[in-house]
Amino acid sequence: MKEEVKNWWERAKKDLNTAKNSLNSGDYYATSLFSQQSAEKALKALQLKKENKIIKTHDLLFLAKKLEIPENLIENCRKLKPVYIETRYPDASGGFKDFSKVDGEEDVKLAKEVLIWIEKNL
């Protein structure tokens, strides 16, 4: 694996671990944010491997479709996509979103599924 791909992949795994730690500590917005970031960095690792470049975007759905990952994982990315904005800009979705434990658990699950598939394809 090329060094740059490895770096993105390792950071994706660390972000997923941080999401899990945040879930355990009750920081649910951070759980969701790091879940989204984990999936994004994993997708960028795969993009770098396939295309030897990274598109600067936070749009998981765009990346997932571009990389032609399986449809169920595209759906995971569709669900995780708004998290980046919702966690960084509390009023962006028309009001403050209070992230719950259920939100965090779901986001970790979605990201983990994306990472499992990407790891097999790196």
PDB file of N, CA and C in Angstrom:
ATOM      1  N   MET A   1       0.851  -1.176   0.000  1.00  0.00           N
ATOM      2  CA  MET A   1       0.000   0.000   0.000  1.00  0.00           C
ATOM      3  C   MET A   1       0.897   1.241   0.000  1.00  0.00           C
ATOM      4  N   LYS A   2       0.582   2.190  -0.866  1.00  0.00           N
ATOM      5  CA  LYS A   2       1.348   3.435  -0.909  1.00  0.00           C
ATOM      6  C   LYS A   2       1.241   4.171   0.416  1.00  0.00           C
ATOM      7  N   GLU A   3       2.287   4.896   0.752  1.00  0.00           N
ATOM      8  CA  GLU A   3       2.356   5.591   2.036  1.00  0.00           C
ATOM      9  C   GLU A   3       1.187   6.558   2.237  1.00  0.00           C
ATOM     10  N   GLU A   4       0.847   7.324   1.211  1.00  0.00           N
ATOM     11  CA  GLU A   4      -0.235   8.299   1.352  1.00  0.00           C
ATOM     12  C   GLU A   4      -1.586   7.606   1.562  1.00  0.00           C
ATOM     13  N   VAL A   5      -1.817   6.515   0.851  1.00  0.00           N
ATOM     14  CA  VAL A   5      -3.046   5.738   1.039  1.00  0.00           C
ATOM     15  C   VAL A   5      -3.086   5.202   2.466  1.00  0.00           C
ATOM     16  N   LYS A   6      -1.959   4.675   2.912  1.00  0.00           N
ATOM     17  CA  LYS A   6      -1.859   4.135   4.271  1.00  0.00           C
ATOM     18  C   LYS A   6      -2.158   5.215   5.309  1.00  0.00           C
ATOM     19  N   ASN A   7      -1.639   6.412   5.101  1.00  0.00           N
ATOM     20  CA  ASN A   7      -1.875   7.509   6.043  1.00  0.00           C
ATOM     21  C   ASN A   7      -3.363   7.843   6.156  1.00  0.00           C
ATOM     22  N   TRP A   8      -4.042   7.946   5.019  1.00  0.00           N
ATOM     23  CA  TRP A   8      -5.482   8.231   5.038  1.00  0.00           C
ATOM     24  C   TRP A   8      -6.238   7.088   5.711  1.00  0.00           C
ATOM     25  N   TRP A   9      -5.850   5.849   5.401  1.00  0.00           N
ATOM     26  CA  TRP A   9      -6.524   4.690   5.974  1.00  0.00           C
ATOM     27  C   TRP A   9      -6.329   4.634   7.492  1.00  0.00           C
ATOM     28  N   GLU A  10      -5.109   4.862   7.938  1.00  0.00           N
ATOM     29  CA  GLU A  10      -4.829   4.830   9.383  1.00  0.00           C
ATOM     30  C   GLU A  10      -5.616   5.914  10.114  1.00  0.00           C
ATOM     31  N   ARG A  11      -5.724   7.099   9.525  1.00  0.00           N
ATOM     32  CA  ARG A  11      -6.490   8.175  10.154  1.00  0.00           C
ATOM     33  C   ARG A  11      -7.980   7.823  10.182  1.00  0.00           C
ATOM     34  N   ALA A  12      -8.465   7.167   9.132  1.00  0.00           N
ATOM     35  CA  ALA A  12      -9.870   6.728   9.118  1.00  0.00           C
ATOM     36  C   ALA A  12     -10.139   5.779  10.283  1.00  0.00           C
ATOM     37  N   LYS A  13      -9.227   4.837  10.504  1.00  0.00           N
ATOM     38  CA  LYS A  13      -9.397   3.888  11.613  1.00  0.00           C
ATOM     39  C   LYS A  13      -9.311   4.591  12.964  1.00  0.00           C
ATOM     40  N   LYS A  14      -8.406   5.557  13.084  1.00  0.00           N
ATOM     41  CA  LYS A  14      -8.293   6.308  14.340  1.00  0.00           C
ATOM     42  C   LYS A  14      -9.559   7.122  14.602  1.00  0.00           C
ATOM     43  N   ASP A  15     -10.114   7.706  13.551  1.00  0.00           N
ATOM     44  CA  ASP A  15     -11.352   8.472  13.712  1.00  0.00           C
ATOM     45  C   ASP A  15     -12.500   7.569  14.159  1.00  0.00           C
ATOM     46  N   LEU A  16     -12.562   6.348  13.627  1.00  0.00           N
ATOM     47  CA  LEU A  16     -13.607   5.427  14.068  1.00  0.00           C
ATOM     48  C   LEU A  16     -13.404   5.062  15.537  1.00  0.00           C
ATOM     49  N   ASN A  17     -12.169   4.857  15.939  1.00  0.00           N
ATOM     50  CA  ASN A  17     -11.874   4.569  17.344  1.00  0.00           C
ATOM     51  C   ASN A  17     -12.266   5.752  18.237  1.00  0.00           C
ATOM     52  N   THR A  18     -11.981   6.966  17.774  1.00  0.00           N
ATOM     53  CA  THR A  18     -12.374   8.165  18.521  1.00  0.00           C
ATOM     54  C   THR A  18     -13.894   8.251  18.628  1.00  0.00           C
ATOM     55  N   ALA A  19     -14.597   7.891  17.559  1.00  0.00           N
ATOM     56  CA  ALA A  19     -16.064   7.882  17.593  1.00  0.00           C
ATOM     57  C   ALA A  19     -16.564   6.911  18.662  1.00  0.00           C
ATOM     58  N   LYS A  20     -15.961   5.743  18.717  1.00  0.00           N
ATOM     59  CA  LYS A  20     -16.363   4.749  19.721  1.00  0.00           C
ATOM     60  C   LYS A  20     -16.071   5.252  21.130  1.00  0.00           C
ATOM     61  N   ASN A  21     -14.908   5.865  21.322  1.00  0.00           N
ATOM     62  CA  ASN A  21     -14.567   6.420  22.637  1.00  0.00           C
ATOM     63  C   ASN A  21     -15.542   7.522  23.036  1.00  0.00           C
ATOM     64  N   SER A  22     -15.925   8.353  22.072  1.00  0.00           N
ATOM     65  CA  SER A  22     -16.886   9.427  22.342  1.00  0.00           C
ATOM     66  C   SER A  22     -18.251   8.855  22.707  1.00  0.00           C
ATOM     67  N   LEU A  23     -18.619   7.769  22.064  1.00  0.00           N
ATOM     68  CA  LEU A  23     -19.882   7.110  22.391  1.00  0.00           C
ATOM     69  C   LEU A  23     -19.856   6.632  23.842  1.00  0.00           C
ATOM     70  N   ASN A  24     -18.748   6.021  24.228  1.00  0.00           N
ATOM     71  CA  ASN A  24     -18.618   5.509  25.599  1.00  0.00           C
ATOM     72  C   ASN A  24     -18.620   6.620  26.639  1.00  0.00           C
ATOM     73  N   SER A  25     -18.129   7.798  26.267  1.00  0.00           N
ATOM     74  CA  SER A  25     -18.072   8.906  27.228  1.00  0.00           C
ATOM     75  C   SER A  25     -19.325   9.787  27.192  1.00  0.00           C
ATOM     76  N   GLY A  26     -20.237   9.509  26.266  1.00  0.00           N
ATOM     77  CA  GLY A  26     -21.481  10.272  26.194  1.00  0.00           C
ATOM     78  C   GLY A  26     -21.414  11.527  25.351  1.00  0.00           C
ATOM     79  N   ASP A  27     -20.334  11.713  24.600  1.00  0.00           N
ATOM     80  CA  ASP A  27     -20.198  12.871  23.706  1.00  0.00           C
ATOM     81  C   ASP A  27     -20.758  12.498  22.329  1.00  0.00           C
ATOM     82  N   TYR A  28     -22.077  12.477  22.235  1.00  0.00           N
ATOM     83  CA  TYR A  28     -22.722  11.896  21.062  1.00  0.00           C
ATOM     84  C   TYR A  28     -22.549  12.707  19.785  1.00  0.00           C
ATOM     85  N   TYR A  29     -22.475  14.047  19.901  1.00  0.00           N
ATOM     86  CA  TYR A  29     -22.235  14.822  18.673  1.00  0.00           C
ATOM     87  C   TYR A  29     -20.844  14.490  18.133  1.00  0.00           C
ATOM     88  N   ALA A  30     -19.864  14.307  19.034  1.00  0.00           N
ATOM     89  CA  ALA A  30     -18.504  13.947  18.608  1.00  0.00           C
ATOM     90  C   ALA A  30     -18.488  12.540  18.025  1.00  0.00           C
ATOM     91  N   THR A  31     -19.298  11.652  18.582  1.00  0.00           N
ATOM     92  CA  THR A  31     -19.420  10.296  18.039  1.00  0.00           C
ATOM     93  C   THR A  31     -19.844  10.370  16.579  1.00  0.00           C
ATOM     94  N   SER A  32     -20.872  11.156  16.320  1.00  0.00           N
ATOM     95  CA  SER A  32     -21.388  11.273  14.956  1.00  0.00           C
ATOM     96  C   SER A  32     -20.384  11.956  14.040  1.00  0.00           C
ATOM     97  N   LEU A  33     -19.755  13.024  14.517  1.00  0.00           N
ATOM     98  CA  LEU A  33     -18.761  13.729  13.708  1.00  0.00           C
ATOM     99  C   LEU A  33     -17.610  12.808  13.321  1.00  0.00           C
ATOM    100  N   PHE A  34     -17.039  12.102  14.282  1.00  0.00           N
ATOM    101  CA  PHE A  34     -15.894  11.249  13.974  1.00  0.00           C
ATOM    102  C   PHE A  34     -16.291  10.019  13.165  1.00  0.00           C
ATOM    103  N   SER A  35     -17.537   9.583  13.274  1.00  0.00           N
ATOM    104  CA  SER A  35     -18.019   8.505  12.404  1.00  0.00           C
ATOM    105  C   SER A  35     -18.034   8.979  10.957  1.00  0.00           C
ATOM    106  N   GLN A  36     -18.583  10.174  10.739  1.00  0.00           N
ATOM    107  CA  GLN A  36     -18.617  10.751   9.390  1.00  0.00           C
ATOM    108  C   GLN A  36     -17.201  10.941   8.860  1.00  0.00           C
ATOM    109  N   GLN A  37     -16.322  11.484   9.689  1.00  0.00           N
ATOM    110  CA  GLN A  37     -14.944  11.732   9.264  1.00  0.00           C
ATOM    111  C   GLN A  37     -14.218  10.432   8.947  1.00  0.00           C
ATOM    112  N   SER A  38     -14.499   9.399   9.704  1.00  0.00           N
ATOM    113  CA  SER A  38     -13.897   8.098   9.460  1.00  0.00           C
ATOM    114  C   SER A  38     -14.278   7.569   8.079  1.00  0.00           C
ATOM    115  N   ALA A  39     -15.556   7.623   7.769  1.00  0.00           N
ATOM    116  CA  ALA A  39     -16.016   7.162   6.459  1.00  0.00           C
ATOM    117  C   ALA A  39     -15.423   8.016   5.343  1.00  0.00           C
ATOM    118  N   GLU A  40     -15.378   9.325   5.552  1.00  0.00           N
ATOM    119  CA  GLU A  40     -14.821  10.227   4.535  1.00  0.00           C
ATOM    120  C   GLU A  40     -13.359   9.898   4.250  1.00  0.00           C
ATOM    121  N   LYS A  41     -12.570   9.730   5.285  1.00  0.00           N
ATOM    122  CA  LYS A  41     -11.141   9.458   5.094  1.00  0.00           C
ATOM    123  C   LYS A  41     -10.908   8.084   4.484  1.00  0.00           C
ATOM    124  N   ALA A  42     -11.739   7.113   4.841  1.00  0.00           N
ATOM    125  CA  ALA A  42     -11.625   5.791   4.228  1.00  0.00           C
ATOM    126  C   ALA A  42     -11.939   5.870   2.734  1.00  0.00           C
ATOM    127  N   LEU A  43     -12.993   6.603   2.381  1.00  0.00           N
ATOM    128  CA  LEU A  43     -13.330   6.782   0.967  1.00  0.00           C
ATOM    129  C   LEU A  43     -12.199   7.482   0.223  1.00  0.00           C
ATOM    130  N   LYS A  44     -11.585   8.454   0.858  1.00  0.00           N
ATOM    131  CA  LYS A  44     -10.483   9.168   0.211  1.00  0.00           C
ATOM    132  C   LYS A  44      -9.257   8.279   0.068  1.00  0.00           C
ATOM    133  N   ALA A  45      -9.034   7.373   0.998  1.00  0.00           N
ATOM    134  CA  ALA A  45      -7.938   6.407   0.854  1.00  0.00           C
ATOM    135  C   ALA A  45      -8.184   5.536  -0.374  1.00  0.00           C
ATOM    136  N   LEU A  46      -9.423   5.081  -0.534  1.00  0.00           N
ATOM    137  CA  LEU A  46      -9.763   4.259  -1.691  1.00  0.00           C
ATOM    138  C   LEU A  46      -9.652   5.062  -2.980  1.00  0.00           C
ATOM    139  N   GLN A  47     -10.101   6.307  -2.952  1.00  0.00           N
ATOM    140  CA  GLN A  47      -9.993   7.153  -4.139  1.00  0.00           C
ATOM    141  C   GLN A  47      -8.531   7.360  -4.516  1.00  0.00           C
ATOM    142  N   LEU A  48      -7.705   7.588  -3.537  1.00  0.00           N
ATOM    143  CA  LEU A  48      -6.278   7.783  -3.785  1.00  0.00           C
ATOM    144  C   LEU A  48      -5.665   6.528  -4.399  1.00  0.00           C
ATOM    145  N   LYS A  49      -6.070   5.365  -3.907  1.00  0.00           N
ATOM    146  CA  LYS A  49      -5.558   4.113  -4.467  1.00  0.00           C
ATOM    147  C   LYS A  49      -6.007   3.943  -5.915  1.00  0.00           C
ATOM    148  N   LYS A  50      -7.288   4.199  -6.177  1.00  0.00           N
ATOM    149  CA  LYS A  50      -7.841   3.964  -7.513  1.00  0.00           C
ATOM    150  C   LYS A  50      -7.450   5.030  -8.525  1.00  0.00           C
ATOM    151  N   GLU A  51      -7.435   6.300  -8.091  1.00  0.00           N
ATOM    152  CA  GLU A  51      -7.292   7.407  -9.035  1.00  0.00           C
ATOM    153  C   GLU A  51      -6.013   8.214  -8.853  1.00  0.00           C
ATOM    154  N   ASN A  52      -5.256   7.897  -7.816  1.00  0.00           N
ATOM    155  CA  ASN A  52      -4.007   8.599  -7.510  1.00  0.00           C
ATOM    156  C   ASN A  52      -4.227  10.089  -7.245  1.00  0.00           C
ATOM    157  N   LYS A  53      -5.425  10.420  -6.747  1.00  0.00           N
ATOM    158  CA  LYS A  53      -5.741  11.804  -6.386  1.00  0.00           C
ATOM    159  C   LYS A  53      -6.894  11.797  -5.397  1.00  0.00           C
ATOM    160  N   ILE A  54      -7.069  12.929  -4.732  1.00  0.00           N
ATOM    161  CA  ILE A  54      -8.176  13.105  -3.800  1.00  0.00           C
ATOM    162  C   ILE A  54      -8.928  14.366  -4.193  1.00  0.00           C
ATOM    163  N   ILE A  55     -10.233  14.250  -4.261  1.00  0.00           N
ATOM    164  CA  ILE A  55     -11.077  15.415  -4.495  1.00  0.00           C
ATOM    165  C   ILE A  55     -11.387  16.020  -3.134  1.00  0.00           C
ATOM    166  N   LYS A  56     -11.179  17.320  -2.996  1.00  0.00           N
ATOM    167  CA  LYS A  56     -11.444  17.992  -1.723  1.00  0.00           C
ATOM    168  C   LYS A  56     -12.940  18.253  -1.601  1.00  0.00           C
ATOM    169  N   THR A  57     -13.589  17.360  -0.876  1.00  0.00           N
ATOM    170  CA  THR A  57     -15.021  17.471  -0.623  1.00  0.00           C
ATOM    171  C   THR A  57     -15.338  16.739   0.670  1.00  0.00           C
ATOM    172  N   HIS A  58     -16.427  17.125   1.301  1.00  0.00           N
ATOM    173  CA  HIS A  58     -16.922  16.406   2.475  1.00  0.00           C
ATOM    174  C   HIS A  58     -18.186  15.626   2.116  1.00  0.00           C
ATOM    175  N   ASP A  59     -18.515  15.576   0.841  1.00  0.00           N
ATOM    176  CA  ASP A  59     -19.739  14.943   0.366  1.00  0.00           C
ATOM    177  C   ASP A  59     -19.531  13.431   0.217  1.00  0.00           C
ATOM    178  N   LEU A  60     -19.891  12.699   1.252  1.00  0.00           N
ATOM    179  CA  LEU A  60     -19.708  11.247   1.236  1.00  0.00           C
ATOM    180  C   LEU A  60     -20.481  10.584   0.108  1.00  0.00           C
ATOM    181  N   LEU A  61     -21.665  11.072  -0.161  1.00  0.00           N
ATOM    182  CA  LEU A  61     -22.492  10.485  -1.204  1.00  0.00           C
ATOM    183  C   LEU A  61     -21.822  10.628  -2.570  1.00  0.00           C
ATOM    184  N   PHE A  62     -21.284  11.800  -2.848  1.00  0.00           N
ATOM    185  CA  PHE A  62     -20.564  12.028  -4.101  1.00  0.00           C
ATOM    186  C   PHE A  62     -19.385  11.060  -4.225  1.00  0.00           C
ATOM    187  N   LEU A  63     -18.583  10.965  -3.163  1.00  0.00           N
ATOM    188  CA  LEU A  63     -17.416  10.076  -3.190  1.00  0.00           C
ATOM    189  C   LEU A  63     -17.829   8.617  -3.370  1.00  0.00           C
ATOM    190  N   ALA A  64     -18.851   8.199  -2.638  1.00  0.00           N
ATOM    191  CA  ALA A  64     -19.299   6.807  -2.705  1.00  0.00           C
ATOM    192  C   ALA A  64     -19.774   6.438  -4.107  1.00  0.00           C
ATOM    193  N   LYS A  65     -20.545   7.325  -4.722  1.00  0.00           N
ATOM    194  CA  LYS A  65     -21.030   7.061  -6.081  1.00  0.00           C
ATOM    195  C   LYS A  65     -19.882   7.070  -7.081  1.00  0.00           C
ATOM    196  N   LYS A  66     -18.973   8.017  -6.925  1.00  0.00           N
ATOM    197  CA  LYS A  66     -17.825   8.110  -7.834  1.00  0.00           C
ATOM    198  C   LYS A  66     -16.980   6.842  -7.775  1.00  0.00           C
ATOM    199  N   LEU A  67     -16.840   6.290  -6.581  1.00  0.00           N
ATOM    200  CA  LEU A  67     -16.016   5.094  -6.391  1.00  0.00           C
ATOM    201  C   LEU A  67     -16.783   3.802  -6.642  1.00  0.00           C
ATOM    202  N   GLU A  68     -18.077   3.933  -6.929  1.00  0.00           N
ATOM    203  CA  GLU A  68     -18.930   2.792  -7.263  1.00  0.00           C
ATOM    204  C   GLU A  68     -18.886   1.701  -6.194  1.00  0.00           C
ATOM    205  N   ILE A  69     -19.039   2.122  -4.932  1.00  0.00           N
ATOM    206  CA  ILE A  69     -19.095   1.139  -3.860  1.00  0.00           C
ATOM    207  C   ILE A  69     -20.490   0.513  -3.852  1.00  0.00           C
ATOM    208  N   PRO A  70     -20.695  -0.590  -3.152  1.00  0.00           N
ATOM    209  CA  PRO A  70     -22.003  -1.255  -3.159  1.00  0.00           C
ATOM    210  C   PRO A  70     -23.139  -0.336  -2.696  1.00  0.00           C
ATOM    211  N   GLU A  71     -24.313  -0.592  -3.235  1.00  0.00           N
ATOM    212  CA  GLU A  71     -25.478   0.267  -2.993  1.00  0.00           C
ATOM    213  C   GLU A  71     -25.816   0.407  -1.513  1.00  0.00           C
ATOM    214  N   ASN A  72     -25.700  -0.671  -0.746  1.00  0.00           N
ATOM    215  CA  ASN A  72     -26.024  -0.565   0.684  1.00  0.00           C
ATOM    216  C   ASN A  72     -25.066   0.385   1.396  1.00  0.00           C
ATOM    217  N   LEU A  73     -23.829   0.451   0.940  1.00  0.00           N
ATOM    218  CA  LEU A  73     -22.855   1.362   1.542  1.00  0.00           C
ATOM    219  C   LEU A  73     -23.035   2.787   1.031  1.00  0.00           C
ATOM    220  N   ILE A  74     -23.525   2.927  -0.186  1.00  0.00           N
ATOM    221  CA  ILE A  74     -23.898   4.259  -0.674  1.00  0.00           C
ATOM    222  C   ILE A  74     -25.005   4.809   0.220  1.00  0.00           C
ATOM    223  N   GLU A  75     -25.933   3.945   0.613  1.00  0.00           N
ATOM    224  CA  GLU A  75     -27.013   4.367   1.516  1.00  0.00           C
ATOM    225  C   GLU A  75     -26.443   4.775   2.877  1.00  0.00           C
ATOM    226  N   ASN A  76     -25.442   4.049   3.372  1.00  0.00           N
ATOM    227  CA  ASN A  76     -24.778   4.446   4.619  1.00  0.00           C
ATOM    228  C   ASN A  76     -24.207   5.855   4.482  1.00  0.00           C
ATOM    229  N   CYS A  77     -23.566   6.111   3.353  1.00  0.00           N
ATOM    230  CA  CYS A  77     -22.963   7.429   3.116  1.00  0.00           C
ATOM    231  C   CYS A  77     -24.031   8.511   3.001  1.00  0.00           C
ATOM    232  N   ARG A  78     -25.163   8.154   2.419  1.00  0.00           N
ATOM    233  CA  ARG A  78     -26.282   9.105   2.313  1.00  0.00           C
ATOM    234  C   ARG A  78     -26.740   9.519   3.720  1.00  0.00           C
ATOM    235  N   LYS A  79     -26.798   8.562   4.630  1.00  0.00           N
ATOM    236  CA  LYS A  79     -27.229   8.845   6.001  1.00  0.00           C
ATOM    237  C   LYS A  79     -26.184   9.640   6.778  1.00  0.00           C
ATOM    238  N   LEU A  80     -24.907   9.372   6.517  1.00  0.00           N
ATOM    239  CA  LEU A  80     -23.834  10.072   7.229  1.00  0.00           C
ATOM    240  C   LEU A  80     -23.540  11.460   6.657  1.00  0.00           C
ATOM    241  N   LYS A  81     -23.911  11.693   5.404  1.00  0.00           N
ATOM    242  CA  LYS A  81     -23.555  12.940   4.718  1.00  0.00           C
ATOM    243  C   LYS A  81     -23.904  14.213   5.493  1.00  0.00           C
ATOM    244  N   PRO A  82     -25.118  14.370   6.021  1.00  0.00           N
ATOM    245  CA  PRO A  82     -25.450  15.638   6.684  1.00  0.00           C
ATOM    246  C   PRO A  82     -24.740  15.854   8.020  1.00  0.00           C
ATOM    247  N   VAL A  83     -24.166  14.814   8.569  1.00  0.00           N
ATOM    248  CA  VAL A  83     -23.544  14.907   9.896  1.00  0.00           C
ATOM    249  C   VAL A  83     -22.421  15.940   9.925  1.00  0.00           C
ATOM    250  N   TYR A  84     -21.657  16.041   8.856  1.00  0.00           N
ATOM    251  CA  TYR A  84     -20.538  16.991   8.823  1.00  0.00           C
ATOM    252  C   TYR A  84     -21.032  18.408   9.103  1.00  0.00           C
ATOM    253  N   ILE A  85     -22.069  18.816   8.418  1.00  0.00           N
ATOM    254  CA  ILE A  85     -22.617  20.167   8.592  1.00  0.00           C
ATOM    255  C   ILE A  85     -23.328  20.293   9.935  1.00  0.00           C
ATOM    256  N   GLU A  86     -24.134  19.298  10.285  1.00  0.00           N
ATOM    257  CA  GLU A  86     -24.918  19.367  11.527  1.00  0.00           C
ATOM    258  C   GLU A  86     -24.046  19.456  12.777  1.00  0.00           C
ATOM    259  N   THR A  87     -22.886  18.824  12.752  1.00  0.00           N
ATOM    260  CA  THR A  87     -22.013  18.865  13.930  1.00  0.00           C
ATOM    261  C   THR A  87     -21.137  20.103  13.960  1.00  0.00           C
ATOM    262  N   ARG A  88     -20.793  20.624  12.824  1.00  0.00           N
ATOM    263  CA  ARG A  88     -19.905  21.792  12.778  1.00  0.00           C
ATOM    264  C   ARG A  88     -20.660  23.107  12.883  1.00  0.00           C
ATOM    265  N   TYR A  89     -21.875  23.129  12.369  1.00  0.00           N
ATOM    266  CA  TYR A  89     -22.674  24.349  12.351  1.00  0.00           C
ATOM    267  C   TYR A  89     -24.031  24.030  12.971  1.00  0.00           C
ATOM    268  N   PRO A  90     -24.170  24.199  14.283  1.00  0.00           N
ATOM    269  CA  PRO A  90     -25.372  23.744  14.993  1.00  0.00           C
ATOM    270  C   PRO A  90     -26.692  24.264  14.446  1.00  0.00           C
ATOM    271  N   ASP A  91     -26.709  25.429  13.822  1.00  0.00           N
ATOM    272  CA  ASP A  91     -27.970  25.974  13.318  1.00  0.00           C
ATOM    273  C   ASP A  91     -28.176  25.719  11.825  1.00  0.00           C
ATOM    274  N   ALA A  92     -27.310  24.931  11.207  1.00  0.00           N
ATOM    275  CA  ALA A  92     -27.350  24.745   9.757  1.00  0.00           C
ATOM    276  C   ALA A  92     -28.594  24.008   9.277  1.00  0.00           C
ATOM    277  N   SER A  93     -29.130  23.129  10.087  1.00  0.00           N
ATOM    278  CA  SER A  93     -30.283  22.343   9.632  1.00  0.00           C
ATOM    279  C   SER A  93     -31.605  22.947  10.090  1.00  0.00           C
ATOM    280  N   GLY A  94     -31.591  24.250  10.347  1.00  0.00           N
ATOM    281  CA  GLY A  94     -32.815  24.928  10.735  1.00  0.00           C
ATOM    282  C   GLY A  94     -33.046  24.943  12.237  1.00  0.00           C
ATOM    283  N   GLY A  95     -32.117  24.442  12.965  1.00  0.00           N
ATOM    284  CA  GLY A  95     -32.227  24.411  14.418  1.00  0.00           C
ATOM    285  C   GLY A  95     -31.160  23.507  14.990  1.00  0.00           C
ATOM    286  N   PHE A  96     -30.878  23.664  16.248  1.00  0.00           N
ATOM    287  CA  PHE A  96     -29.836  22.883  16.895  1.00  0.00           C
ATOM    288  C   PHE A  96     -30.257  21.424  16.979  1.00  0.00           C
ATOM    289  N   LYS A  97     -29.421  20.527  16.482  1.00  0.00           N
ATOM    290  CA  LYS A  97     -29.702  19.096  16.580  1.00  0.00           C
ATOM    291  C   LYS A  97     -29.003  18.556  17.814  1.00  0.00           C
ATOM    292  N   ASP A  98     -29.758  17.929  18.670  1.00  0.00           N
ATOM    293  CA  ASP A  98     -29.209  17.307  19.866  1.00  0.00           C
ATOM    294  C   ASP A  98     -28.947  15.839  19.541  1.00  0.00           C
ATOM    295  N   PHE A  99     -27.692  15.472  19.382  1.00  0.00           N
ATOM    296  CA  PHE A  99     -27.335  14.106  19.025  1.00  0.00           C
ATOM    297  C   PHE A  99     -27.527  13.193  20.228  1.00  0.00           C
ATOM    298  N   SER A 100     -28.160  12.062  19.995  1.00  0.00           N
ATOM    299  CA  SER A 100     -28.469  11.117  21.066  1.00  0.00           C
ATOM    300  C   SER A 100     -27.545   9.907  21.003  1.00  0.00           C
ATOM    301  N   LYS A 101     -27.639   9.089  22.018  1.00  0.00           N
ATOM    302  CA  LYS A 101     -26.880   7.838  22.035  1.00  0.00           C
ATOM    303  C   LYS A 101     -27.277   6.967  20.846  1.00  0.00           C
ATOM    304  N   VAL A 102     -28.562   6.938  20.535  1.00  0.00           N
ATOM    305  CA  VAL A 102     -29.048   6.155  19.394  1.00  0.00           C
ATOM    306  C   VAL A 102     -28.430   6.675  18.095  1.00  0.00           C
ATOM    307  N   ASP A 103     -28.371   8.003  17.935  1.00  0.00           N
ATOM    308  CA  ASP A 103     -27.722   8.596  16.753  1.00  0.00           C
ATOM    309  C   ASP A 103     -26.269   8.139  16.669  1.00  0.00           C
ATOM    310  N   GLY A 104     -25.565   8.242  17.779  1.00  0.00           N
ATOM    311  CA  GLY A 104     -24.155   7.869  17.812  1.00  0.00           C
ATOM    312  C   GLY A 104     -23.935   6.408  17.481  1.00  0.00           C
ATOM    313  N   GLU A 105     -24.744   5.540  18.072  1.00  0.00           N
ATOM    314  CA  GLU A 105     -24.611   4.101  17.803  1.00  0.00           C
ATOM    315  C   GLU A 105     -24.848   3.793  16.334  1.00  0.00           C
ATOM    316  N   GLU A 106     -25.860   4.425  15.760  1.00  0.00           N
ATOM    317  CA  GLU A 106     -26.175   4.203  14.345  1.00  0.00           C
ATOM    318  C   GLU A 106     -25.049   4.721  13.452  1.00  0.00           C
ATOM    319  N   ASP A 107     -24.527   5.895  13.751  1.00  0.00           N
ATOM    320  CA  ASP A 107     -23.468   6.464  12.918  1.00  0.00           C
ATOM    321  C   ASP A 107     -22.189   5.633  12.989  1.00  0.00           C
ATOM    322  N   VAL A 108     -21.848   5.124  14.168  1.00  0.00           N
ATOM    323  CA  VAL A 108     -20.678   4.242  14.291  1.00  0.00           C
ATOM    324  C   VAL A 108     -20.891   2.986  13.449  1.00  0.00           C
ATOM    325  N   LYS A 109     -22.077   2.414  13.528  1.00  0.00           N
ATOM    326  CA  LYS A 109     -22.395   1.202  12.757  1.00  0.00           C
ATOM    327  C   LYS A 109     -22.264   1.463  11.257  1.00  0.00           C
ATOM    328  N   LEU A 110     -22.825   2.575  10.791  1.00  0.00           N
ATOM    329  CA  LEU A 110     -22.766   2.910   9.368  1.00  0.00           C
ATOM    330  C   LEU A 110     -21.329   3.078   8.896  1.00  0.00           C
ATOM    331  N   ALA A 111     -20.545   3.821   9.663  1.00  0.00           N
ATOM    332  CA  ALA A 111     -19.148   4.057   9.291  1.00  0.00           C
ATOM    333  C   ALA A 111     -18.350   2.759   9.321  1.00  0.00           C
ATOM    334  N   LYS A 112     -18.564   1.957  10.336  1.00  0.00           N
ATOM    335  CA  LYS A 112     -17.827   0.694  10.462  1.00  0.00           C
ATOM    336  C   LYS A 112     -18.070  -0.200   9.252  1.00  0.00           C
ATOM    337  N   GLU A 113     -19.312  -0.276   8.793  1.00  0.00           N
ATOM    338  CA  GLU A 113     -19.633  -1.084   7.612  1.00  0.00           C
ATOM    339  C   GLU A 113     -18.888  -0.578   6.381  1.00  0.00           C
ATOM    340  N   VAL A 114     -18.803   0.733   6.230  1.00  0.00           N
ATOM    341  CA  VAL A 114     -18.059   1.315   5.105  1.00  0.00           C
ATOM    342  C   VAL A 114     -16.583   0.932   5.212  1.00  0.00           C
ATOM    343  N   LEU A 115     -16.009   1.072   6.395  1.00  0.00           N
ATOM    344  CA  LEU A 115     -14.590   0.766   6.583  1.00  0.00           C
ATOM    345  C   LEU A 115     -14.280  -0.707   6.347  1.00  0.00           C
ATOM    346  N   ILE A 116     -15.152  -1.592   6.781  1.00  0.00           N
ATOM    347  CA  ILE A 116     -14.923  -3.028   6.572  1.00  0.00           C
ATOM    348  C   ILE A 116     -14.814  -3.329   5.082  1.00  0.00           C
ATOM    349  N   TRP A 117     -15.725  -2.764   4.282  1.00  0.00           N
ATOM    350  CA  TRP A 117     -15.688  -3.019   2.841  1.00  0.00           C
ATOM    351  C   TRP A 117     -14.451  -2.387   2.202  1.00  0.00           C
ATOM    352  N   ILE A 118     -14.162  -1.156   2.583  1.00  0.00           N
ATOM    353  CA  ILE A 118     -13.015  -0.473   1.980  1.00  0.00           C
ATOM    354  C   ILE A 118     -11.718  -1.196   2.309  1.00  0.00           C
ATOM    355  N   GLU A 119     -11.582  -1.670   3.531  1.00  0.00           N
ATOM    356  CA  GLU A 119     -10.351  -2.388   3.904  1.00  0.00           C
ATOM    357  C   GLU A 119     -10.102  -3.576   2.981  1.00  0.00           C
ATOM    358  N   LYS A 120     -11.154  -4.254   2.577  1.00  0.00           N
ATOM    359  CA  LYS A 120     -11.026  -5.404   1.676  1.00  0.00           C
ATOM    360  C   LYS A 120     -10.644  -4.977   0.260  1.00  0.00           C
ATOM    361  N   ASN A 121     -10.811  -3.698  -0.038  1.00  0.00           N
ATOM    362  CA  ASN A 121     -10.570  -3.206  -1.397  1.00  0.00           C
ATOM    363  C   ASN A 121      -9.375  -2.266  -1.513  1.00  0.00           C
ATOM    364  N   LEU A 122      -8.629  -2.138  -0.447  1.00  0.00           N
ATOM    365  CA  LEU A 122      -7.430  -1.283  -0.503  1.00  0.00           C
ATOM    366  C   LEU A 122      -6.229  -2.081  -0.971  1.00  0.00           C
TER     367      LEU A 122
END
